[in-house]
Amino acid sequence: MALADALAARGAIELSAEGGAVTETGGAFLAGLGIRPAAGARLLCRPCLDWSERRPHLAGRLGAALCSHCFAEGWVRRRAGGRTLEITPIGWAGLERSFGVAAEAVRLA
């Protein structure tokens, strides 16, 4: 959710109840980080209501590409026995440096 909020605040994505879009500026920003969503029939970007926090996170090809990027960089790891992800110490630094997502803001939200 914080990542979706940060991307929307910087104008990289536009989200509404009907769907989402990556802006031209957002495409260049994401490409600069090495994040290039795969081509395919799946929607590029859309909000998806998180069942636990009741706020939207990113779904679609962009959400999958961001997730893959975070795993590849060692920013997140799966907690044993489930689907829950944990942000690593390296991940907090990377998320703040790359997207402006501060750990304090996420933990207080």
PDB file of N, CA and C in Angstrom:
ATOM      1  N   MET A   1       0.809  -1.164   0.000  1.00  0.00           N
ATOM      2  CA  MET A   1       0.000   0.000   0.000  1.00  0.00           C
ATOM      3  C   MET A   1       0.872   1.254   0.000  1.00  0.00           C
ATOM      4  N   ALA A   2       1.909   1.270   0.805  1.00  0.00           N
ATOM      5  CA  ALA A   2       2.794   2.430   0.854  1.00  0.00           C
ATOM      6  C   ALA A   2       3.484   2.636  -0.486  1.00  0.00           C
ATOM      7  N   LEU A   3       3.803   1.554  -1.167  1.00  0.00           N
ATOM      8  CA  LEU A   3       4.460   1.663  -2.470  1.00  0.00           C
ATOM      9  C   LEU A   3       3.487   2.248  -3.495  1.00  0.00           C
ATOM     10  N   ALA A   4       2.248   1.796  -3.492  1.00  0.00           N
ATOM     11  CA  ALA A   4       1.234   2.367  -4.385  1.00  0.00           C
ATOM     12  C   ALA A   4       1.035   3.846  -4.078  1.00  0.00           C
ATOM     13  N   ASP A   5       0.956   4.183  -2.789  1.00  0.00           N
ATOM     14  CA  ASP A   5       0.799   5.585  -2.393  1.00  0.00           C
ATOM     15  C   ASP A   5       1.978   6.429  -2.869  1.00  0.00           C
ATOM     16  N   ALA A   6       3.193   5.917  -2.706  1.00  0.00           N
ATOM     17  CA  ALA A   6       4.394   6.666  -3.106  1.00  0.00           C
ATOM     18  C   ALA A   6       4.445   6.868  -4.615  1.00  0.00           C
ATOM     19  N   LEU A   7       4.097   5.838  -5.374  1.00  0.00           N
ATOM     20  CA  LEU A   7       4.107   5.967  -6.834  1.00  0.00           C
ATOM     21  C   LEU A   7       3.029   6.939  -7.304  1.00  0.00           C
ATOM     22  N   ALA A   8       1.870   6.917  -6.659  1.00  0.00           N
ATOM     23  CA  ALA A   8       0.809   7.854  -7.017  1.00  0.00           C
ATOM     24  C   ALA A   8       1.207   9.286  -6.655  1.00  0.00           C
ATOM     25  N   ALA A   9       1.819   9.472  -5.491  1.00  0.00           N
ATOM     26  CA  ALA A   9       2.226  10.812  -5.052  1.00  0.00           C
ATOM     27  C   ALA A   9       3.253  11.428  -5.980  1.00  0.00           C
ATOM     28  N   ARG A  10       4.122  10.610  -6.555  1.00  0.00           N
ATOM     29  CA  ARG A  10       5.141  11.162  -7.465  1.00  0.00           C
ATOM     30  C   ARG A  10       4.642  11.260  -8.897  1.00  0.00           C
ATOM     31  N   GLY A  11       3.375  10.863  -9.128  1.00  0.00           N
ATOM     32  CA  GLY A  11       2.790  10.959 -10.463  1.00  0.00           C
ATOM     33  C   GLY A  11       3.189   9.839 -11.392  1.00  0.00           C
ATOM     34  N   ALA A  12       3.732   8.754 -10.850  1.00  0.00           N
ATOM     35  CA  ALA A  12       4.158   7.632 -11.674  1.00  0.00           C
ATOM     36  C   ALA A  12       2.988   6.750 -12.097  1.00  0.00           C
ATOM     37  N   ILE A  13       1.961   6.704 -11.255  1.00  0.00           N
ATOM     38  CA  ILE A  13       0.758   5.937 -11.568  1.00  0.00           C
ATOM     39  C   ILE A  13      -0.464   6.781 -11.227  1.00  0.00           C
ATOM     40  N   GLU A  14      -1.560   6.423 -11.844  1.00  0.00           N
ATOM     41  CA  GLU A  14      -2.846   7.031 -11.532  1.00  0.00           C
ATOM     42  C   GLU A  14      -3.795   5.896 -11.206  1.00  0.00           C
ATOM     43  N   LEU A  15      -4.393   5.926 -10.021  1.00  0.00           N
ATOM     44  CA  LEU A  15      -5.307   4.878  -9.590  1.00  0.00           C
ATOM     45  C   LEU A  15      -6.687   5.458  -9.345  1.00  0.00           C
ATOM     46  N   SER A  16      -7.694   4.692  -9.732  1.00  0.00           N
ATOM     47  CA  SER A  16      -9.077   5.043  -9.435  1.00  0.00           C
ATOM     48  C   SER A  16      -9.809   3.746  -9.122  1.00  0.00           C
ATOM     49  N   ALA A  17     -11.048   3.855  -8.744  1.00  0.00           N
ATOM     50  CA  ALA A  17     -11.843   2.657  -8.448  1.00  0.00           C
ATOM     51  C   ALA A  17     -12.001   1.782  -9.691  1.00  0.00           C
ATOM     52  N   GLU A  18     -11.939   2.392 -10.860  1.00  0.00           N
ATOM     53  CA  GLU A  18     -12.128   1.649 -12.107  1.00  0.00           C
ATOM     54  C   GLU A  18     -10.870   0.978 -12.625  1.00  0.00           C
ATOM     55  N   GLY A  19      -9.712   1.437 -12.200  1.00  0.00           N
ATOM     56  CA  GLY A  19      -8.476   0.846 -12.704  1.00  0.00           C
ATOM     57  C   GLY A  19      -7.272   1.708 -12.423  1.00  0.00           C
ATOM     58  N   GLY A  20      -6.202   1.424 -13.130  1.00  0.00           N
ATOM     59  CA  GLY A  20      -4.978   2.162 -12.926  1.00  0.00           C
ATOM     60  C   GLY A  20      -4.205   2.299 -14.222  1.00  0.00           C
ATOM     61  N   ALA A  21      -3.277   3.239 -14.212  1.00  0.00           N
ATOM     62  CA  ALA A  21      -2.447   3.474 -15.389  1.00  0.00           C
ATOM     63  C   ALA A  21      -1.076   3.955 -14.946  1.00  0.00           C
ATOM     64  N   VAL A  22      -0.079   3.580 -15.710  1.00  0.00           N
ATOM     65  CA  VAL A  22       1.274   4.086 -15.504  1.00  0.00           C
ATOM     66  C   VAL A  22       1.417   5.303 -16.397  1.00  0.00           C
ATOM     67  N   THR A  23       1.856   6.410 -15.812  1.00  0.00           N
ATOM     68  CA  THR A  23       2.041   7.632 -16.594  1.00  0.00           C
ATOM     69  C   THR A  23       3.319   7.522 -17.428  1.00  0.00           C
ATOM     70  N   GLU A  24       3.484   8.427 -18.369  1.00  0.00           N
ATOM     71  CA  GLU A  24       4.707   8.448 -19.175  1.00  0.00           C
ATOM     72  C   GLU A  24       5.924   8.657 -18.272  1.00  0.00           C
ATOM     73  N   THR A  25       5.809   9.596 -17.350  1.00  0.00           N
ATOM     74  CA  THR A  25       6.887   9.842 -16.387  1.00  0.00           C
ATOM     75  C   THR A  25       7.137   8.611 -15.529  1.00  0.00           C
ATOM     76  N   GLY A  26       6.059   7.955 -15.126  1.00  0.00           N
ATOM     77  CA  GLY A  26       6.175   6.748 -14.305  1.00  0.00           C
ATOM     78  C   GLY A  26       6.863   5.618 -15.045  1.00  0.00           C
ATOM     79  N   GLY A  27       6.555   5.464 -16.326  1.00  0.00           N
ATOM     80  CA  GLY A  27       7.212   4.429 -17.116  1.00  0.00           C
ATOM     81  C   GLY A  27       8.712   4.643 -17.189  1.00  0.00           C
ATOM     82  N   ALA A  28       9.119   5.899 -17.381  1.00  0.00           N
ATOM     83  CA  ALA A  28      10.546   6.228 -17.432  1.00  0.00           C
ATOM     84  C   ALA A  28      11.201   6.016 -16.071  1.00  0.00           C
ATOM     85  N   PHE A  29      10.524   6.419 -15.001  1.00  0.00           N
ATOM     86  CA  PHE A  29      11.045   6.228 -13.651  1.00  0.00           C
ATOM     87  C   PHE A  29      11.254   4.746 -13.350  1.00  0.00           C
ATOM     88  N   LEU A  30      10.240   3.927 -13.622  1.00  0.00           N
ATOM     89  CA  LEU A  30      10.332   2.494 -13.351  1.00  0.00           C
ATOM     90  C   LEU A  30      11.403   1.831 -14.217  1.00  0.00           C
ATOM     91  N   ALA A  31      11.480   2.211 -15.479  1.00  0.00           N
ATOM     92  CA  ALA A  31      12.511   1.656 -16.362  1.00  0.00           C
ATOM     93  C   ALA A  31      13.902   1.998 -15.851  1.00  0.00           C
ATOM     94  N   GLY A  32      14.058   3.203 -15.295  1.00  0.00           N
ATOM     95  CA  GLY A  32      15.340   3.604 -14.728  1.00  0.00           C
ATOM     96  C   GLY A  32      15.765   2.738 -13.551  1.00  0.00           C
ATOM     97  N   LEU A  33      14.787   2.156 -12.867  1.00  0.00           N
ATOM     98  CA  LEU A  33      15.077   1.235 -11.763  1.00  0.00           C
ATOM     99  C   LEU A  33      15.234  -0.209 -12.246  1.00  0.00           C
ATOM    100  N   GLY A  34      15.012  -0.418 -13.551  1.00  0.00           N
ATOM    101  CA  GLY A  34      15.097  -1.769 -14.102  1.00  0.00           C
ATOM    102  C   GLY A  34      13.802  -2.547 -13.975  1.00  0.00           C
ATOM    103  N   ILE A  35      12.693  -1.845 -13.745  1.00  0.00           N
ATOM    104  CA  ILE A  35      11.395  -2.496 -13.586  1.00  0.00           C
ATOM    105  C   ILE A  35      10.622  -2.326 -14.882  1.00  0.00           C
ATOM    106  N   ARG A  36      10.451  -3.443 -15.580  1.00  0.00           N
ATOM    107  CA  ARG A  36       9.734  -3.442 -16.851  1.00  0.00           C
ATOM    108  C   ARG A  36       8.704  -4.563 -16.812  1.00  0.00           C
ATOM    109  N   PRO A  37       7.433  -4.220 -16.630  1.00  0.00           N
ATOM    110  CA  PRO A  37       6.408  -5.262 -16.591  1.00  0.00           C
ATOM    111  C   PRO A  37       6.397  -6.074 -17.870  1.00  0.00           C
ATOM    112  N   ALA A  38       6.208  -7.365 -17.733  1.00  0.00           N
ATOM    113  CA  ALA A  38       6.156  -8.260 -18.883  1.00  0.00           C
ATOM    114  C   ALA A  38       4.935  -7.952 -19.739  1.00  0.00           C
ATOM    115  N   ALA A  39       5.034  -8.241 -21.024  1.00  0.00           N
ATOM    116  CA  ALA A  39       3.894  -8.085 -21.915  1.00  0.00           C
ATOM    117  C   ALA A  39       2.918  -9.227 -21.660  1.00  0.00           C
ATOM    118  N   GLY A  40       1.684  -9.022 -21.998  1.00  0.00           N
ATOM    119  CA  GLY A  40       0.712 -10.092 -21.853  1.00  0.00           C
ATOM    120  C   GLY A  40      -0.701  -9.558 -21.806  1.00  0.00           C
ATOM    121  N   ALA A  41      -1.645 -10.477 -21.682  1.00  0.00           N
ATOM    122  CA  ALA A  41      -3.056 -10.122 -21.673  1.00  0.00           C
ATOM    123  C   ALA A  41      -3.494  -9.560 -20.319  1.00  0.00           C
ATOM    124  N   ARG A  42      -2.768  -9.880 -19.268  1.00  0.00           N
ATOM    125  CA  ARG A  42      -3.104  -9.391 -17.924  1.00  0.00           C
ATOM    126  C   ARG A  42      -3.012  -7.867 -17.893  1.00  0.00           C
ATOM    127  N   LEU A  43      -3.910  -7.229 -17.175  1.00  0.00           N
ATOM    128  CA  LEU A  43      -3.882  -5.772 -17.061  1.00  0.00           C
ATOM    129  C   LEU A  43      -2.530  -5.288 -16.558  1.00  0.00           C
ATOM    130  N   LEU A  44      -2.099  -4.145 -17.051  1.00  0.00           N
ATOM    131  CA  LEU A  44      -0.807  -3.589 -16.634  1.00  0.00           C
ATOM    132  C   LEU A  44      -0.844  -3.126 -15.186  1.00  0.00           C
ATOM    133  N   CYS A  45      -1.858  -2.373 -14.825  1.00  0.00           N
ATOM    134  CA  CYS A  45      -1.886  -1.766 -13.500  1.00  0.00           C
ATOM    135  C   CYS A  45      -3.326  -1.634 -13.043  1.00  0.00           C
ATOM    136  N   ARG A  46      -3.597  -2.084 -11.848  1.00  0.00           N
ATOM    137  CA  ARG A  46      -4.917  -1.894 -11.275  1.00  0.00           C
ATOM    138  C   ARG A  46      -4.815  -1.958  -9.758  1.00  0.00           C
ATOM    139  N   PRO A  47      -5.698  -1.265  -9.065  1.00  0.00           N
ATOM    140  CA  PRO A  47      -5.706  -1.374  -7.609  1.00  0.00           C
ATOM    141  C   PRO A  47      -6.389  -2.671  -7.199  1.00  0.00           C
ATOM    142  N   CYS A  48      -5.966  -3.223  -6.098  1.00  0.00           N
ATOM    143  CA  CYS A  48      -6.549  -4.453  -5.565  1.00  0.00           C
ATOM    144  C   CYS A  48      -6.657  -4.268  -4.050  1.00  0.00           C
ATOM    145  N   LEU A  49      -7.840  -4.419  -3.517  1.00  0.00           N
ATOM    146  CA  LEU A  49      -8.052  -4.202  -2.093  1.00  0.00           C
ATOM    147  C   LEU A  49      -7.362  -5.290  -1.278  1.00  0.00           C
ATOM    148  N   ASP A  50      -6.453  -4.888  -0.404  1.00  0.00           N
ATOM    149  CA  ASP A  50      -5.750  -5.821   0.474  1.00  0.00           C
ATOM    150  C   ASP A  50      -6.729  -6.275   1.555  1.00  0.00           C
ATOM    151  N   TRP A  51      -6.876  -7.579   1.721  1.00  0.00           N
ATOM    152  CA  TRP A  51      -7.876  -8.119   2.651  1.00  0.00           C
ATOM    153  C   TRP A  51      -7.553  -7.797   4.106  1.00  0.00           C
ATOM    154  N   SER A  52      -6.276  -7.643   4.438  1.00  0.00           N
ATOM    155  CA  SER A  52      -5.921  -7.431   5.839  1.00  0.00           C
ATOM    156  C   SER A  52      -5.922  -5.954   6.234  1.00  0.00           C
ATOM    157  N   GLU A  53      -5.513  -5.081   5.323  1.00  0.00           N
ATOM    158  CA  GLU A  53      -5.409  -3.660   5.657  1.00  0.00           C
ATOM    159  C   GLU A  53      -6.536  -2.823   5.085  1.00  0.00           C
ATOM    160  N   ARG A  54      -7.345  -3.418   4.206  1.00  0.00           N
ATOM    161  CA  ARG A  54      -8.499  -2.750   3.622  1.00  0.00           C
ATOM    162  C   ARG A  54      -8.121  -1.480   2.859  1.00  0.00           C
ATOM    163  N   ARG A  55      -6.941  -1.518   2.243  1.00  0.00           N
ATOM    164  CA  ARG A  55      -6.449  -0.429   1.396  1.00  0.00           C
ATOM    165  C   ARG A  55      -5.926  -1.058   0.114  1.00  0.00           C
ATOM    166  N   PRO A  56      -5.917  -0.295  -0.980  1.00  0.00           N
ATOM    167  CA  PRO A  56      -5.460  -0.889  -2.240  1.00  0.00           C
ATOM    168  C   PRO A  56      -3.940  -1.019  -2.351  1.00  0.00           C
ATOM    169  N   HIS A  57      -3.528  -2.137  -2.909  1.00  0.00           N
ATOM    170  CA  HIS A  57      -2.142  -2.308  -3.324  1.00  0.00           C
ATOM    171  C   HIS A  57      -2.157  -2.479  -4.845  1.00  0.00           C
ATOM    172  N   LEU A  58      -0.994  -2.588  -5.445  1.00  0.00           N
ATOM    173  CA  LEU A  58      -0.920  -2.699  -6.902  1.00  0.00           C
ATOM    174  C   LEU A  58      -1.029  -4.144  -7.342  1.00  0.00           C
ATOM    175  N   ALA A  59      -1.845  -4.354  -8.347  1.00  0.00           N
ATOM    176  CA  ALA A  59      -1.990  -5.678  -8.946  1.00  0.00           C
ATOM    177  C   ALA A  59      -1.692  -5.553 -10.438  1.00  0.00           C
ATOM    178  N   GLY A  60      -1.832  -6.627 -11.134  1.00  0.00           N
ATOM    179  CA  GLY A  60      -1.554  -6.647 -12.561  1.00  0.00           C
ATOM    180  C   GLY A  60      -0.072  -6.872 -12.838  1.00  0.00           C
ATOM    181  N   ARG A  61       0.301  -6.633 -14.085  1.00  0.00           N
ATOM    182  CA  ARG A  61       1.692  -6.867 -14.479  1.00  0.00           C
ATOM    183  C   ARG A  61       2.660  -5.963 -13.737  1.00  0.00           C
ATOM    184  N   LEU A  62       2.245  -4.725 -13.425  1.00  0.00           N
ATOM    185  CA  LEU A  62       3.125  -3.828 -12.684  1.00  0.00           C
ATOM    186  C   LEU A  62       3.344  -4.346 -11.266  1.00  0.00           C
ATOM    187  N   GLY A  63       2.290  -4.747 -10.594  1.00  0.00           N
ATOM    188  CA  GLY A  63       2.427  -5.303  -9.245  1.00  0.00           C
ATOM    189  C   GLY A  63       3.349  -6.513  -9.233  1.00  0.00           C
ATOM    190  N   ALA A  64       3.194  -7.389 -10.225  1.00  0.00           N
ATOM    191  CA  ALA A  64       4.052  -8.575 -10.317  1.00  0.00           C
ATOM    192  C   ALA A  64       5.509  -8.183 -10.569  1.00  0.00           C
ATOM    193  N   ALA A  65       5.729  -7.174 -11.429  1.00  0.00           N
ATOM    194  CA  ALA A  65       7.095  -6.727 -11.723  1.00  0.00           C
ATOM    195  C   ALA A  65       7.738  -6.088 -10.497  1.00  0.00           C
ATOM    196  N   LEU A  66       6.970  -5.297  -9.745  1.00  0.00           N
ATOM    197  CA  LEU A  66       7.497  -4.698  -8.517  1.00  0.00           C
ATOM    198  C   LEU A  66       7.838  -5.779  -7.498  1.00  0.00           C
ATOM    199  N   CYS A  67       6.982  -6.764  -7.371  1.00  0.00           N
ATOM    200  CA  CYS A  67       7.240  -7.868  -6.441  1.00  0.00           C
ATOM    201  C   CYS A  67       8.509  -8.619  -6.840  1.00  0.00           C
ATOM    202  N   SER A  68       8.634  -8.950  -8.114  1.00  0.00           N
ATOM    203  CA  SER A  68       9.838  -9.650  -8.598  1.00  0.00           C
ATOM    204  C   SER A  68      11.094  -8.831  -8.345  1.00  0.00           C
ATOM    205  N   HIS A  69      11.010  -7.527  -8.569  1.00  0.00           N
ATOM    206  CA  HIS A  69      12.148  -6.636  -8.336  1.00  0.00           C
ATOM    207  C   HIS A  69      12.553  -6.659  -6.859  1.00  0.00           C
ATOM    208  N   CYS A  70      11.570  -6.584  -5.986  1.00  0.00           N
ATOM    209  CA  CYS A  70      11.850  -6.587  -4.541  1.00  0.00           C
ATOM    210  C   CYS A  70      12.486  -7.902  -4.094  1.00  0.00           C
ATOM    211  N   PHE A  71      12.035  -9.023  -4.646  1.00  0.00           N
ATOM    212  CA  PHE A  71      12.665 -10.313  -4.330  1.00  0.00           C
ATOM    213  C   PHE A  71      14.091 -10.361  -4.874  1.00  0.00           C
ATOM    214  N   ALA A  72      14.270  -9.937  -6.126  1.00  0.00           N
ATOM    215  CA  ALA A  72      15.592  -9.989  -6.760  1.00  0.00           C
ATOM    216  C   ALA A  72      16.611  -9.125  -6.033  1.00  0.00           C
ATOM    217  N   GLU A  73      16.170  -7.997  -5.496  1.00  0.00           N
ATOM    218  CA  GLU A  73      17.061  -7.090  -4.771  1.00  0.00           C
ATOM    219  C   GLU A  73      17.291  -7.527  -3.325  1.00  0.00           C
ATOM    220  N   GLY A  74      16.571  -8.554  -2.874  1.00  0.00           N
ATOM    221  CA  GLY A  74      16.689  -8.992  -1.480  1.00  0.00           C
ATOM    222  C   GLY A  74      15.947  -8.085  -0.512  1.00  0.00           C
ATOM    223  N   TRP A  75      15.000  -7.322  -1.043  1.00  0.00           N
ATOM    224  CA  TRP A  75      14.252  -6.384  -0.210  1.00  0.00           C
ATOM    225  C   TRP A  75      13.152  -7.063   0.586  1.00  0.00           C
ATOM    226  N   VAL A  76      12.633  -8.174   0.079  1.00  0.00           N
ATOM    227  CA  VAL A  76      11.574  -8.912   0.768  1.00  0.00           C
ATOM    228  C   VAL A  76      11.910 -10.393   0.785  1.00  0.00           C
ATOM    229  N   ARG A  77      11.304 -11.082   1.730  1.00  0.00           N
ATOM    230  CA  ARG A  77      11.405 -12.545   1.790  1.00  0.00           C
ATOM    231  C   ARG A  77      10.086 -13.067   2.342  1.00  0.00           C
ATOM    232  N   ARG A  78       9.798 -14.319   2.024  1.00  0.00           N
ATOM    233  CA  ARG A  78       8.573 -14.948   2.525  1.00  0.00           C
ATOM    234  C   ARG A  78       8.791 -15.429   3.953  1.00  0.00           C
ATOM    235  N   ARG A  79       7.783 -15.240   4.766  1.00  0.00           N
ATOM    236  CA  ARG A  79       7.810 -15.813   6.108  1.00  0.00           C
ATOM    237  C   ARG A  79       7.467 -17.284   5.986  1.00  0.00           C
ATOM    238  N   ALA A  80       8.086 -18.096   6.803  1.00  0.00           N
ATOM    239  CA  ALA A  80       7.867 -19.540   6.750  1.00  0.00           C
ATOM    240  C   ALA A  80       6.392 -19.874   6.964  1.00  0.00           C
ATOM    241  N   GLY A  81       5.920 -20.811   6.158  1.00  0.00           N
ATOM    242  CA  GLY A  81       4.588 -21.350   6.347  1.00  0.00           C
ATOM    243  C   GLY A  81       3.443 -20.513   5.830  1.00  0.00           C
ATOM    244  N   GLY A  82       3.697 -19.553   4.953  1.00  0.00           N
ATOM    245  CA  GLY A  82       2.580 -18.756   4.471  1.00  0.00           C
ATOM    246  C   GLY A  82       2.936 -17.886   3.294  1.00  0.00           C
ATOM    247  N   ARG A  83       2.022 -16.989   2.971  1.00  0.00           N
ATOM    248  CA  ARG A  83       2.200 -16.068   1.847  1.00  0.00           C
ATOM    249  C   ARG A  83       2.689 -14.706   2.299  1.00  0.00           C
ATOM    250  N   THR A  84       2.786 -14.503   3.596  1.00  0.00           N
ATOM    251  CA  THR A  84       3.176 -13.211   4.144  1.00  0.00           C
ATOM    252  C   THR A  84       4.614 -12.866   3.770  1.00  0.00           C
ATOM    253  N   LEU A  85       4.833 -11.619   3.392  1.00  0.00           N
ATOM    254  CA  LEU A  85       6.176 -11.145   3.072  1.00  0.00           C
ATOM    255  C   LEU A  85       6.702 -10.299   4.215  1.00  0.00           C
ATOM    256  N   GLU A  86       8.010 -10.338   4.350  1.00  0.00           N
ATOM    257  CA  GLU A  86       8.694  -9.537   5.361  1.00  0.00           C
ATOM    258  C   GLU A  86       9.712  -8.660   4.652  1.00  0.00           C
ATOM    259  N   ILE A  87       9.735  -7.391   4.990  1.00  0.00           N
ATOM    260  CA  ILE A  87      10.718  -6.473   4.398  1.00  0.00           C
ATOM    261  C   ILE A  87      12.009  -6.597   5.189  1.00  0.00           C
ATOM    262  N   THR A  88      13.108  -6.804   4.468  1.00  0.00           N
ATOM    263  CA  THR A  88      14.418  -6.968   5.092  1.00  0.00           C
ATOM    264  C   THR A  88      15.004  -5.589   5.437  1.00  0.00           C
ATOM    265  N   PRO A  89      16.034  -5.551   6.287  1.00  0.00           N
ATOM    266  CA  PRO A  89      16.703  -4.266   6.544  1.00  0.00           C
ATOM    267  C   PRO A  89      17.231  -3.617   5.260  1.00  0.00           C
ATOM    268  N   ILE A  90      17.781  -4.428   4.365  1.00  0.00           N
ATOM    269  CA  ILE A  90      18.233  -3.904   3.069  1.00  0.00           C
ATOM    270  C   ILE A  90      17.037  -3.370   2.292  1.00  0.00           C
ATOM    271  N   GLY A  91      15.903  -4.044   2.435  1.00  0.00           N
ATOM    272  CA  GLY A  91      14.688  -3.637   1.748  1.00  0.00           C
ATOM    273  C   GLY A  91      14.173  -2.285   2.193  1.00  0.00           C
ATOM    274  N   TRP A  92      14.193  -2.038   3.497  1.00  0.00           N
ATOM    275  CA  TRP A  92      13.754  -0.724   3.991  1.00  0.00           C
ATOM    276  C   TRP A  92      14.608   0.385   3.380  1.00  0.00           C
ATOM    277  N   ALA A  93      15.911   0.166   3.345  1.00  0.00           N
ATOM    278  CA  ALA A  93      16.809   1.172   2.763  1.00  0.00           C
ATOM    279  C   ALA A  93      16.528   1.342   1.268  1.00  0.00           C
ATOM    280  N   GLY A  94      16.333   0.240   0.560  1.00  0.00           N
ATOM    281  CA  GLY A  94      16.058   0.305  -0.876  1.00  0.00           C
ATOM    282  C   GLY A  94      14.734   0.964  -1.195  1.00  0.00           C
ATOM    283  N   LEU A  95      13.709   0.652  -0.413  1.00  0.00           N
ATOM    284  CA  LEU A  95      12.394   1.255  -0.641  1.00  0.00           C
ATOM    285  C   LEU A  95      12.419   2.758  -0.382  1.00  0.00           C
ATOM    286  N   GLU A  96      13.157   3.166   0.626  1.00  0.00           N
ATOM    287  CA  GLU A  96      13.246   4.600   0.901  1.00  0.00           C
ATOM    288  C   GLU A  96      14.068   5.311  -0.174  1.00  0.00           C
ATOM    289  N   ARG A  97      15.197   4.728  -0.539  1.00  0.00           N
ATOM    290  CA  ARG A  97      16.072   5.343  -1.543  1.00  0.00           C
ATOM    291  C   ARG A  97      15.383   5.410  -2.912  1.00  0.00           C
ATOM    292  N   SER A  98      14.732   4.332  -3.310  1.00  0.00           N
ATOM    293  CA  SER A  98      14.162   4.260  -4.654  1.00  0.00           C
ATOM    294  C   SER A  98      12.782   4.880  -4.788  1.00  0.00           C
ATOM    295  N   PHE A  99      11.959   4.731  -3.740  1.00  0.00           N
ATOM    296  CA  PHE A  99      10.562   5.149  -3.852  1.00  0.00           C
ATOM    297  C   PHE A  99      10.135   6.199  -2.826  1.00  0.00           C
ATOM    298  N   GLY A 100      10.997   6.494  -1.862  1.00  0.00           N
ATOM    299  CA  GLY A 100      10.627   7.450  -0.828  1.00  0.00           C
ATOM    300  C   GLY A 100       9.716   6.867   0.242  1.00  0.00           C
ATOM    301  N   VAL A 101       9.697   5.537   0.366  1.00  0.00           N
ATOM    302  CA  VAL A 101       8.869   4.866   1.371  1.00  0.00           C
ATOM    303  C   VAL A 101       9.703   4.679   2.637  1.00  0.00           C
ATOM    304  N   ALA A 102       9.340   5.402   3.697  1.00  0.00           N
ATOM    305  CA  ALA A 102      10.076   5.334   4.958  1.00  0.00           C
ATOM    306  C   ALA A 102       9.455   4.281   5.868  1.00  0.00           C
ATOM    307  N   ALA A 103      10.300   3.518   6.539  1.00  0.00           N
ATOM    308  CA  ALA A 103       9.830   2.469   7.430  1.00  0.00           C
ATOM    309  C   ALA A 103       8.931   3.021   8.520  1.00  0.00           C
ATOM    310  N   GLU A 104       9.261   4.177   9.052  1.00  0.00           N
ATOM    311  CA  GLU A 104       8.472   4.764  10.125  1.00  0.00           C
ATOM    312  C   GLU A 104       7.049   5.048   9.671  1.00  0.00           C
ATOM    313  N   ALA A 105       6.900   5.536   8.455  1.00  0.00           N
ATOM    314  CA  ALA A 105       5.578   5.855   7.934  1.00  0.00           C
ATOM    315  C   ALA A 105       4.744   4.598   7.759  1.00  0.00           C
ATOM    316  N   VAL A 106       5.371   3.520   7.307  1.00  0.00           N
ATOM    317  CA  VAL A 106       4.650   2.265   7.080  1.00  0.00           C
ATOM    318  C   VAL A 106       4.254   1.650   8.406  1.00  0.00           C
ATOM    319  N   ARG A 107       5.138   1.650   9.361  1.00  0.00           N
ATOM    320  CA  ARG A 107       4.855   1.025  10.647  1.00  0.00           C
ATOM    321  C   ARG A 107       3.816   1.781  11.444  1.00  0.00           C
ATOM    322  N   LEU A 108       3.694   3.099  11.204  1.00  0.00           N
ATOM    323  CA  LEU A 108       2.710   3.908  11.921  1.00  0.00           C
ATOM    324  C   LEU A 108       1.352   3.917  11.230  1.00  0.00           C
ATOM    325  N   ALA A 109       1.334   3.523   9.970  1.00  0.00           N
ATOM    326  CA  ALA A 109       0.070   3.582   9.200  1.00  0.00           C
ATOM    327  C   ALA A 109      -0.900   2.519   9.653  1.00  0.00           C
TER     328      ALA A 109
END
